[in-house]
Amino acid sequence: MAILIADSGATKCEWCVVDKGKIKKTVFTLGISPYFFSGQQVEDLVRRDLYPEISRYKIEAIYYYGTGCKNPANQKMIRNAIRKVFPSIEVTVDNDLMGAARAVCQHEKGIACILGTGSNSCYFNGKKIAKNSPGLGYVLGDEGSGAYLGKKVIQYYLYNTFDEELRFRFEDKYKMKDVDILDSVYKQPLPNRFLASFTLFLAENRGHYMIENIIEDGLNDFFFQHVIKYNESWKLPVHFVGGVAYGFRDVVMELCSSYELELGTILQHPMEGLIVYHK
């Protein structure tokens, strides 16, 4: 019998059918955020985009890790929506931070950090999350995240801080007017994803001092506001999960060194670690 493991960020959700530690099928859907999705929308997405792809497998349990699922009400909403599509299967819902912690720490103690569209961190004692730095979301916090870095890119552009070369590259790539950017941030759905999309501009223009400043300052804000405030950070390895952490891992490594922290694992996606954990 197989199990289904889901890892959902704000941008995309990865679903893996796993049997005896081996992936049998992987499906990607839109990311599920309970703050932007209703129960009916979650059910519709699972029924439309996931179920037809995996219906032939005999699944005995579903383990779902997702953004926004620290809140018990959100956990219940996601669980009920999935159960409507898979009524006879046991469904366990936990937050994405627990998924990250299990993926990188397994059953050992450590600091687990998420740097993706959003950001988060915790001290994992080998069994549960024992400490969690406050997560304020992309408006007030999310230091070091894709949304945080992307917001800096937009600020540099709209404030005309970019030099002529970077301004030309930005306008050539995005072809957006100022009013279009502001409309996407303040009026359109899922502004955090829109902001995070500009991390690609950072990745494509590495080496320019303004780009490096945005990356280094943004990631350092995460270390300063969160990582070094755990007493355990000075005694245990600090692990990272997420596209931002992996894409800018050279900066993550430099910051760990400058703060004299032990760097642990850097995973682009937690799925490979979750497969080992649930095996």
C-alpha atoms as a PDB file:
ATOM      1  CA  MET A   1       0.000   0.000   0.000  1.00  0.00           C
ATOM      2  CA  ALA A   2       1.216   3.500  -0.859  1.00  0.00           C
ATOM      3  CA  ILE A   3       1.068   6.819   0.949  1.00  0.00           C
ATOM      4  CA  LEU A   4       0.538  10.305  -0.450  1.00  0.00           C
ATOM      5  CA  ILE A   5       2.772  13.117   0.797  1.00  0.00           C
ATOM      6  CA  ALA A   6       1.921  16.728   0.005  1.00  0.00           C
ATOM      7  CA  ASP A   7       4.138  19.768   0.456  1.00  0.00           C
ATOM      8  CA  SER A   8       2.359  23.027  -0.263  1.00  0.00           C
ATOM      9  CA  GLY A   9       3.820  26.498  -0.299  1.00  0.00           C
ATOM     10  CA  ALA A  10       2.025  29.637  -1.361  1.00  0.00           C
ATOM     11  CA  THR A  11       3.056  29.192  -5.002  1.00  0.00           C
ATOM     12  CA  LYS A  12       2.803  25.470  -5.726  1.00  0.00           C
ATOM     13  CA  CYS A  13       1.966  22.158  -4.105  1.00  0.00           C
ATOM     14  CA  GLU A  14       3.927  18.960  -4.736  1.00  0.00           C
ATOM     15  CA  TRP A  15       2.059  15.663  -4.275  1.00  0.00           C
ATOM     16  CA  CYS A  16       4.033  12.409  -4.266  1.00  0.00           C
ATOM     17  CA  VAL A  17       2.663   8.880  -4.226  1.00  0.00           C
ATOM     18  CA  VAL A  18       5.272   6.867  -2.353  1.00  0.00           C
ATOM     19  CA  ASP A  19       5.517   3.108  -1.915  1.00  0.00           C
ATOM     20  CA  LYS A  20       8.283   1.600   0.245  1.00  0.00           C
ATOM     21  CA  GLY A  21      10.322   4.792   0.035  1.00  0.00           C
ATOM     22  CA  LYS A  22      10.118   5.053  -3.759  1.00  0.00           C
ATOM     23  CA  ILE A  23       8.215   7.705  -5.709  1.00  0.00           C
ATOM     24  CA  LYS A  24       5.565   6.208  -7.962  1.00  0.00           C
ATOM     25  CA  LYS A  25       3.930   9.419  -9.143  1.00  0.00           C
ATOM     26  CA  THR A  26       4.514  13.166  -8.691  1.00  0.00           C
ATOM     27  CA  VAL A  27       1.849  15.777  -9.373  1.00  0.00           C
ATOM     28  CA  PHE A  28       2.196  19.549  -9.099  1.00  0.00           C
ATOM     29  CA  THR A  29      -0.801  21.786  -8.473  1.00  0.00           C
ATOM     30  CA  LEU A  30      -1.352  25.382  -7.516  1.00  0.00           C
ATOM     31  CA  GLY A  31      -0.176  26.159  -3.993  1.00  0.00           C
ATOM     32  CA  ILE A  32      -2.917  26.008  -1.376  1.00  0.00           C
ATOM     33  CA  SER A  33      -3.032  28.837   1.140  1.00  0.00           C
ATOM     34  CA  PRO A  34      -6.011  28.613   3.522  1.00  0.00           C
ATOM     35  CA  TYR A  35      -5.928  32.394   3.825  1.00  0.00           C
ATOM     36  CA  PHE A  36      -6.699  32.753   0.121  1.00  0.00           C
ATOM     37  CA  PHE A  37      -8.651  29.527  -0.517  1.00  0.00           C
ATOM     38  CA  SER A  38     -12.046  28.418   0.750  1.00  0.00           C
ATOM     39  CA  GLY A  39     -12.742  24.781   1.604  1.00  0.00           C
ATOM     40  CA  GLN A  40     -14.732  24.413  -1.597  1.00  0.00           C
ATOM     41  CA  GLN A  41     -11.859  25.796  -3.675  1.00  0.00           C
ATOM     42  CA  VAL A  42      -9.425  23.345  -2.068  1.00  0.00           C
ATOM     43  CA  GLU A  43     -11.801  20.465  -2.738  1.00  0.00           C
ATOM     44  CA  ASP A  44     -12.280  21.561  -6.354  1.00  0.00           C
ATOM     45  CA  LEU A  45      -8.523  21.818  -6.914  1.00  0.00           C
ATOM     46  CA  VAL A  46      -7.824  18.374  -5.432  1.00  0.00           C
ATOM     47  CA  ARG A  47     -10.689  16.765  -7.342  1.00  0.00           C
ATOM     48  CA  ARG A  48      -9.799  18.411 -10.655  1.00  0.00           C
ATOM     49  CA  ASP A  49      -5.999  18.539 -10.698  1.00  0.00           C
ATOM     50  CA  LEU A  50      -4.877  15.713  -8.404  1.00  0.00           C
ATOM     51  CA  TYR A  51      -7.383  12.891  -8.201  1.00  0.00           C
ATOM     52  CA  PRO A  52      -7.420  11.945 -11.916  1.00  0.00           C
ATOM     53  CA  GLU A  53      -3.616  11.616 -11.840  1.00  0.00           C
ATOM     54  CA  ILE A  54      -3.403   9.236  -8.853  1.00  0.00           C
ATOM     55  CA  SER A  55      -6.775   7.449  -8.728  1.00  0.00           C
ATOM     56  CA  ARG A  56      -5.246   4.144  -9.854  1.00  0.00           C
ATOM     57  CA  TYR A  57      -3.003   3.891  -6.785  1.00  0.00           C
ATOM     58  CA  LYS A  58      -4.103   2.214  -3.541  1.00  0.00           C
ATOM     59  CA  ILE A  59      -3.307   4.888  -0.977  1.00  0.00           C
ATOM     60  CA  GLU A  60      -3.675   4.114   2.716  1.00  0.00           C
ATOM     61  CA  ALA A  61      -2.688   7.462   4.240  1.00  0.00           C
ATOM     62  CA  ILE A  62      -2.227  11.105   3.241  1.00  0.00           C
ATOM     63  CA  TYR A  63       0.311  13.375   4.952  1.00  0.00           C
ATOM     64  CA  TYR A  64      -0.236  17.010   4.041  1.00  0.00           C
ATOM     65  CA  TYR A  65       2.185  19.784   5.038  1.00  0.00           C
ATOM     66  CA  GLY A  66       1.137  23.276   4.062  1.00  0.00           C
ATOM     67  CA  THR A  67       1.540  26.984   4.529  1.00  0.00           C
ATOM     68  CA  GLY A  68      -0.964  28.541   6.930  1.00  0.00           C
ATOM     69  CA  CYS A  69      -1.696  25.217   8.631  1.00  0.00           C
ATOM     70  CA  LYS A  70      -0.394  26.122  12.074  1.00  0.00           C
ATOM     71  CA  ASN A  71      -3.890  27.474  12.720  1.00  0.00           C
ATOM     72  CA  PRO A  72      -6.147  24.554  13.863  1.00  0.00           C
ATOM     73  CA  ALA A  73      -9.109  25.993  11.961  1.00  0.00           C
ATOM     74  CA  ASN A  74      -7.095  26.016   8.741  1.00  0.00           C
ATOM     75  CA  GLN A  75      -5.903  22.456   9.402  1.00  0.00           C
ATOM     76  CA  LYS A  76      -9.499  21.340   9.800  1.00  0.00           C
ATOM     77  CA  MET A  77     -10.583  23.107   6.613  1.00  0.00           C
ATOM     78  CA  ILE A  78      -7.822  21.492   4.540  1.00  0.00           C
ATOM     79  CA  ARG A  79      -8.403  18.057   6.103  1.00  0.00           C
ATOM     80  CA  ASN A  80     -12.153  18.164   5.459  1.00  0.00           C
ATOM     81  CA  ALA A  81     -11.671  19.302   1.869  1.00  0.00           C
ATOM     82  CA  ILE A  82      -9.226  16.462   1.097  1.00  0.00           C
ATOM     83  CA  ARG A  83     -11.465  13.895   2.838  1.00  0.00           C
ATOM     84  CA  LYS A  84     -14.349  14.831   0.558  1.00  0.00           C
ATOM     85  CA  VAL A  85     -12.251  13.633  -2.380  1.00  0.00           C
ATOM     86  CA  PHE A  86     -10.638  10.706  -0.508  1.00  0.00           C
ATOM     87  CA  PRO A  87     -13.354   9.744   2.031  1.00  0.00           C
ATOM     88  CA  SER A  88     -11.896   6.367   3.050  1.00  0.00           C
ATOM     89  CA  ILE A  89      -8.282   7.475   3.549  1.00  0.00           C
ATOM     90  CA  GLU A  90      -6.692   8.735   6.770  1.00  0.00           C
ATOM     91  CA  VAL A  91      -5.611  12.374   6.319  1.00  0.00           C
ATOM     92  CA  THR A  92      -3.042  14.086   8.556  1.00  0.00           C
ATOM     93  CA  VAL A  93      -2.539  17.838   8.133  1.00  0.00           C
ATOM     94  CA  ASP A  94       0.363  19.798   9.607  1.00  0.00           C
ATOM     95  CA  ASN A  95       2.067  23.070   8.819  1.00  0.00           C
ATOM     96  CA  ASP A  96       4.870  23.529   6.317  1.00  0.00           C
ATOM     97  CA  LEU A  97       7.325  24.318   9.082  1.00  0.00           C
ATOM     98  CA  MET A  98       6.844  20.870  10.599  1.00  0.00           C
ATOM     99  CA  GLY A  99       7.368  19.416   7.132  1.00  0.00           C
ATOM    100  CA  ALA A 100      10.599  21.361   6.731  1.00  0.00           C
ATOM    101  CA  ALA A 101      11.816  20.358  10.193  1.00  0.00           C
ATOM    102  CA  ARG A 102      11.157  16.672   9.606  1.00  0.00           C
ATOM    103  CA  ALA A 103      12.732  16.856   6.155  1.00  0.00           C
ATOM    104  CA  VAL A 104      16.056  18.328   7.277  1.00  0.00           C
ATOM    105  CA  CYS A 105      16.325  17.225  10.903  1.00  0.00           C
ATOM    106  CA  GLN A 106      14.633  13.808  10.627  1.00  0.00           C
ATOM    107  CA  HIS A 107      14.614  12.662  14.277  1.00  0.00           C
ATOM    108  CA  GLU A 108      17.521  14.840  15.432  1.00  0.00           C
ATOM    109  CA  LYS A 109      17.613  18.254  17.107  1.00  0.00           C
ATOM    110  CA  GLY A 110      18.264  21.300  14.941  1.00  0.00           C
ATOM    111  CA  ILE A 111      17.177  24.695  13.652  1.00  0.00           C
ATOM    112  CA  ALA A 112      14.936  24.459  10.598  1.00  0.00           C
ATOM    113  CA  CYS A 113      14.423  27.482   8.335  1.00  0.00           C
ATOM    114  CA  ILE A 114      12.129  28.038   5.372  1.00  0.00           C
ATOM    115  CA  LEU A 115      13.189  30.557   2.742  1.00  0.00           C
ATOM    116  CA  GLY A 116      10.747  30.316  -0.136  1.00  0.00           C
ATOM    117  CA  THR A 117       7.865  32.560  -1.186  1.00  0.00           C
ATOM    118  CA  GLY A 118       7.527  33.163   2.555  1.00  0.00           C
ATOM    119  CA  SER A 119       9.913  32.558   5.447  1.00  0.00           C
ATOM    120  CA  ASN A 120       9.757  30.829   8.819  1.00  0.00           C
ATOM    121  CA  SER A 121      12.014  29.120  11.347  1.00  0.00           C
ATOM    122  CA  CYS A 122      11.941  26.920  14.426  1.00  0.00           C
ATOM    123  CA  TYR A 123      13.910  24.907  16.941  1.00  0.00           C
ATOM    124  CA  PHE A 124      13.015  21.235  16.401  1.00  0.00           C
ATOM    125  CA  ASN A 125      13.798  18.984  19.369  1.00  0.00           C
ATOM    126  CA  GLY A 126      13.733  15.770  17.345  1.00  0.00           C
ATOM    127  CA  LYS A 127      10.036  15.151  17.918  1.00  0.00           C
ATOM    128  CA  LYS A 128       8.208  18.449  17.781  1.00  0.00           C
ATOM    129  CA  ILE A 129       8.644  22.168  17.210  1.00  0.00           C
ATOM    130  CA  ALA A 130       9.755  23.460  20.601  1.00  0.00           C
ATOM    131  CA  LYS A 131      10.297  27.117  19.636  1.00  0.00           C
ATOM    132  CA  ASN A 132       9.017  29.195  16.734  1.00  0.00           C
ATOM    133  CA  SER A 133      10.020  32.744  15.929  1.00  0.00           C
ATOM    134  CA  PRO A 134       6.921  34.906  15.234  1.00  0.00           C
ATOM    135  CA  GLY A 135       5.787  34.758  11.606  1.00  0.00           C
ATOM    136  CA  LEU A 136       4.189  38.052  10.605  1.00  0.00           C
ATOM    137  CA  GLY A 137       3.474  37.296   6.945  1.00  0.00           C
ATOM    138  CA  TYR A 138       4.619  39.122   3.838  1.00  0.00           C
ATOM    139  CA  VAL A 139       3.191  42.520   4.833  1.00  0.00           C
ATOM    140  CA  LEU A 140       4.915  42.865   8.213  1.00  0.00           C
ATOM    141  CA  GLY A 141       7.649  40.241   8.103  1.00  0.00           C
ATOM    142  CA  ASP A 142       8.793  37.282   5.994  1.00  0.00           C
ATOM    143  CA  GLU A 143      12.373  38.548   6.118  1.00  0.00           C
ATOM    144  CA  GLY A 144      14.609  36.813   3.585  1.00  0.00           C
ATOM    145  CA  SER A 145      11.692  35.355   1.641  1.00  0.00           C
ATOM    146  CA  GLY A 146      10.990  35.663  -2.046  1.00  0.00           C
ATOM    147  CA  ALA A 147       8.232  38.165  -1.306  1.00  0.00           C
ATOM    148  CA  TYR A 148      10.591  40.190   0.891  1.00  0.00           C
ATOM    149  CA  LEU A 149      13.374  40.246  -1.705  1.00  0.00           C
ATOM    150  CA  GLY A 150      10.931  40.906  -4.535  1.00  0.00           C
ATOM    151  CA  LYS A 151       9.518  43.876  -2.655  1.00  0.00           C
ATOM    152  CA  LYS A 152      13.036  45.310  -2.493  1.00  0.00           C
ATOM    153  CA  VAL A 153      13.425  44.892  -6.259  1.00  0.00           C
ATOM    154  CA  ILE A 154      10.199  46.823  -6.870  1.00  0.00           C
ATOM    155  CA  GLN A 155      11.219  49.514  -4.401  1.00  0.00           C
ATOM    156  CA  TYR A 156      14.573  49.963  -6.134  1.00  0.00           C
ATOM    157  CA  TYR A 157      12.782  50.267  -9.462  1.00  0.00           C
ATOM    158  CA  LEU A 158       9.920  52.558  -8.435  1.00  0.00           C
ATOM    159  CA  TYR A 159      12.168  54.784  -6.314  1.00  0.00           C
ATOM    160  CA  ASN A 160      14.530  55.014  -9.304  1.00  0.00           C
ATOM    161  CA  THR A 161      17.387  53.609  -7.211  1.00  0.00           C
ATOM    162  CA  PHE A 162      18.529  51.171  -9.901  1.00  0.00           C
ATOM    163  CA  ASP A 163      21.277  52.492 -12.136  1.00  0.00           C
ATOM    164  CA  GLU A 164      20.544  52.938 -15.824  1.00  0.00           C
ATOM    165  CA  GLU A 165      21.738  49.443 -16.749  1.00  0.00           C
ATOM    166  CA  LEU A 166      19.527  47.631 -14.222  1.00  0.00           C
ATOM    167  CA  ARG A 167      16.556  49.861 -14.964  1.00  0.00           C
ATOM    168  CA  PHE A 168      16.844  48.993 -18.658  1.00  0.00           C
ATOM    169  CA  ARG A 169      17.095  45.261 -17.859  1.00  0.00           C
ATOM    170  CA  PHE A 170      14.037  45.454 -15.595  1.00  0.00           C
ATOM    171  CA  GLU A 171      11.900  47.294 -18.131  1.00  0.00           C
ATOM    172  CA  ASP A 172      13.037  45.032 -20.968  1.00  0.00           C
ATOM    173  CA  LYS A 173      12.127  41.919 -18.986  1.00  0.00           C
ATOM    174  CA  TYR A 174       8.822  42.910 -17.410  1.00  0.00           C
ATOM    175  CA  LYS A 175       7.427  45.638 -19.668  1.00  0.00           C
ATOM    176  CA  MET A 176       5.172  46.858 -16.861  1.00  0.00           C
ATOM    177  CA  LYS A 177       4.120  50.397 -16.062  1.00  0.00           C
ATOM    178  CA  ASP A 178       4.281  51.680 -12.496  1.00  0.00           C
ATOM    179  CA  VAL A 179       0.490  51.600 -12.269  1.00  0.00           C
ATOM    180  CA  ASP A 180       0.460  47.932 -13.323  1.00  0.00           C
ATOM    181  CA  ILE A 181       2.893  47.013 -10.550  1.00  0.00           C
ATOM    182  CA  LEU A 182       0.897  48.850  -7.895  1.00  0.00           C
ATOM    183  CA  ASP A 183      -2.338  47.315  -9.144  1.00  0.00           C
ATOM    184  CA  SER A 184      -0.863  43.806  -8.859  1.00  0.00           C
ATOM    185  CA  VAL A 185       0.337  44.498  -5.314  1.00  0.00           C
ATOM    186  CA  TYR A 186      -2.733  46.242  -3.913  1.00  0.00           C
ATOM    187  CA  LYS A 187      -5.712  45.076  -5.967  1.00  0.00           C
ATOM    188  CA  GLN A 188      -4.996  41.682  -7.503  1.00  0.00           C
ATOM    189  CA  PRO A 189      -5.165  38.320  -5.678  1.00  0.00           C
ATOM    190  CA  LEU A 190      -2.050  36.608  -4.257  1.00  0.00           C
ATOM    191  CA  PRO A 191       0.263  39.644  -4.128  1.00  0.00           C
ATOM    192  CA  ASN A 192       2.874  37.618  -2.210  1.00  0.00           C
ATOM    193  CA  ARG A 193       3.392  35.416  -5.263  1.00  0.00           C
ATOM    194  CA  PHE A 194       3.634  38.466  -7.484  1.00  0.00           C
ATOM    195  CA  LEU A 195       6.307  39.950  -5.245  1.00  0.00           C
ATOM    196  CA  ALA A 196       8.230  36.673  -5.023  1.00  0.00           C
ATOM    197  CA  SER A 197       8.324  36.383  -8.815  1.00  0.00           C
ATOM    198  CA  PHE A 198      10.915  39.176  -8.924  1.00  0.00           C
ATOM    199  CA  THR A 199      13.545  36.984  -7.246  1.00  0.00           C
ATOM    200  CA  LEU A 200      14.168  35.675 -10.757  1.00  0.00           C
ATOM    201  CA  PHE A 201      15.441  39.147 -11.679  1.00  0.00           C
ATOM    202  CA  LEU A 202      17.891  38.914  -8.786  1.00  0.00           C
ATOM    203  CA  ALA A 203      19.079  35.472  -9.865  1.00  0.00           C
ATOM    204  CA  GLU A 204      19.574  36.593 -13.468  1.00  0.00           C
ATOM    205  CA  ASN A 205      21.635  39.634 -12.520  1.00  0.00           C
ATOM    206  CA  ARG A 206      24.019  38.249  -9.905  1.00  0.00           C
ATOM    207  CA  GLY A 207      27.304  40.110  -9.693  1.00  0.00           C
ATOM    208  CA  HIS A 208      25.871  43.603  -9.895  1.00  0.00           C
ATOM    209  CA  TYR A 209      26.538  45.346  -6.590  1.00  0.00           C
ATOM    210  CA  MET A 210      22.945  46.556  -6.185  1.00  0.00           C
ATOM    211  CA  ILE A 211      21.600  43.051  -6.737  1.00  0.00           C
ATOM    212  CA  GLU A 212      24.088  41.567  -4.284  1.00  0.00           C
ATOM    213  CA  ASN A 213      23.137  44.223  -1.715  1.00  0.00           C
ATOM    214  CA  ILE A 214      19.447  43.324  -1.970  1.00  0.00           C
ATOM    215  CA  ILE A 215      20.156  39.607  -1.556  1.00  0.00           C
ATOM    216  CA  GLU A 216      22.682  39.959   1.262  1.00  0.00           C
ATOM    217  CA  ASP A 217      20.672  42.549   3.202  1.00  0.00           C
ATOM    218  CA  GLY A 218      17.420  40.620   2.807  1.00  0.00           C
ATOM    219  CA  LEU A 219      18.881  37.315   3.965  1.00  0.00           C
ATOM    220  CA  ASN A 220      20.815  38.984   6.771  1.00  0.00           C
ATOM    221  CA  ASP A 221      17.537  40.451   8.024  1.00  0.00           C
ATOM    222  CA  PHE A 222      16.267  36.872   8.382  1.00  0.00           C
ATOM    223  CA  PHE A 223      19.354  35.773  10.301  1.00  0.00           C
ATOM    224  CA  PHE A 224      19.282  38.862  12.538  1.00  0.00           C
ATOM    225  CA  GLN A 225      15.549  38.832  13.290  1.00  0.00           C
ATOM    226  CA  HIS A 226      15.116  35.088  13.662  1.00  0.00           C
ATOM    227  CA  VAL A 227      18.007  32.629  13.470  1.00  0.00           C
ATOM    228  CA  ILE A 228      20.383  34.134  16.009  1.00  0.00           C
ATOM    229  CA  LYS A 229      17.580  34.659  18.531  1.00  0.00           C
ATOM    230  CA  TYR A 230      17.429  30.914  19.186  1.00  0.00           C
ATOM    231  CA  ASN A 231      19.933  29.982  21.886  1.00  0.00           C
ATOM    232  CA  GLU A 232      20.113  26.573  20.226  1.00  0.00           C
ATOM    233  CA  SER A 233      21.484  28.119  17.004  1.00  0.00           C
ATOM    234  CA  TRP A 234      24.913  28.302  18.601  1.00  0.00           C
ATOM    235  CA  LYS A 235      24.898  24.610  19.556  1.00  0.00           C
ATOM    236  CA  LEU A 236      23.061  22.828  16.737  1.00  0.00           C
ATOM    237  CA  PRO A 237      23.157  22.744  12.929  1.00  0.00           C
ATOM    238  CA  VAL A 238      21.030  25.311  11.111  1.00  0.00           C
ATOM    239  CA  HIS A 239      19.153  23.795   8.155  1.00  0.00           C
ATOM    240  CA  PHE A 240      17.388  25.497   5.255  1.00  0.00           C
ATOM    241  CA  VAL A 241      14.572  24.586   2.888  1.00  0.00           C
ATOM    242  CA  GLY A 242      13.183  26.526  -0.065  1.00  0.00           C
ATOM    243  CA  GLY A 243      13.938  27.979  -3.465  1.00  0.00           C
ATOM    244  CA  VAL A 244      15.425  31.204  -2.096  1.00  0.00           C
ATOM    245  CA  ALA A 245      17.736  29.355   0.319  1.00  0.00           C
ATOM    246  CA  TYR A 246      18.848  26.971  -2.414  1.00  0.00           C
ATOM    247  CA  GLY A 247      19.136  29.557  -5.169  1.00  0.00           C
ATOM    248  CA  PHE A 248      21.207  31.911  -3.033  1.00  0.00           C
ATOM    249  CA  ARG A 249      22.927  29.205  -0.987  1.00  0.00           C
ATOM    250  CA  ASP A 250      26.306  30.880  -1.422  1.00  0.00           C
ATOM    251  CA  VAL A 251      25.014  33.871   0.549  1.00  0.00           C
ATOM    252  CA  VAL A 252      23.401  31.590   3.142  1.00  0.00           C
ATOM    253  CA  MET A 253      26.730  29.830   3.600  1.00  0.00           C
ATOM    254  CA  GLU A 254      28.587  33.141   3.978  1.00  0.00           C
ATOM    255  CA  LEU A 255      26.115  34.391   6.577  1.00  0.00           C
ATOM    256  CA  CYS A 256      26.361  31.172   8.582  1.00  0.00           C
ATOM    257  CA  SER A 257      30.121  31.579   8.546  1.00  0.00           C
ATOM    258  CA  SER A 258      30.019  35.246   9.567  1.00  0.00           C
ATOM    259  CA  TYR A 259      27.670  34.481  12.461  1.00  0.00           C
ATOM    260  CA  GLU A 260      29.800  31.423  13.359  1.00  0.00           C
ATOM    261  CA  LEU A 261      26.873  29.021  12.976  1.00  0.00           C
ATOM    262  CA  GLU A 262      27.079  25.372  11.905  1.00  0.00           C
ATOM    263  CA  LEU A 263      25.439  25.049   8.496  1.00  0.00           C
ATOM    264  CA  GLY A 264      23.358  21.915   8.112  1.00  0.00           C
ATOM    265  CA  THR A 265      21.429  20.812   5.034  1.00  0.00           C
ATOM    266  CA  ILE A 266      20.113  23.104   2.298  1.00  0.00           C
ATOM    267  CA  LEU A 267      17.225  21.530   0.384  1.00  0.00           C
ATOM    268  CA  GLN A 268      15.427  23.153  -2.510  1.00  0.00           C
ATOM    269  CA  HIS A 269      12.349  21.086  -1.736  1.00  0.00           C
ATOM    270  CA  PRO A 270      11.520  19.233   1.492  1.00  0.00           C
ATOM    271  CA  MET A 271       9.943  16.286  -0.320  1.00  0.00           C
ATOM    272  CA  GLU A 272      13.085  14.147  -0.532  1.00  0.00           C
ATOM    273  CA  GLY A 273      13.576  14.475   3.213  1.00  0.00           C
ATOM    274  CA  LEU A 274       9.903  13.800   3.955  1.00  0.00           C
ATOM    275  CA  ILE A 275      10.029  10.601   1.924  1.00  0.00           C
ATOM    276  CA  VAL A 276      12.903   9.366   4.084  1.00  0.00           C
ATOM    277  CA  TYR A 277      11.107  10.459   7.256  1.00  0.00           C
ATOM    278  CA  HIS A 278       7.858   8.646   6.411  1.00  0.00           C
ATOM    279  CA  LYS A 279       9.606   5.532   5.170  1.00  0.00           C
END
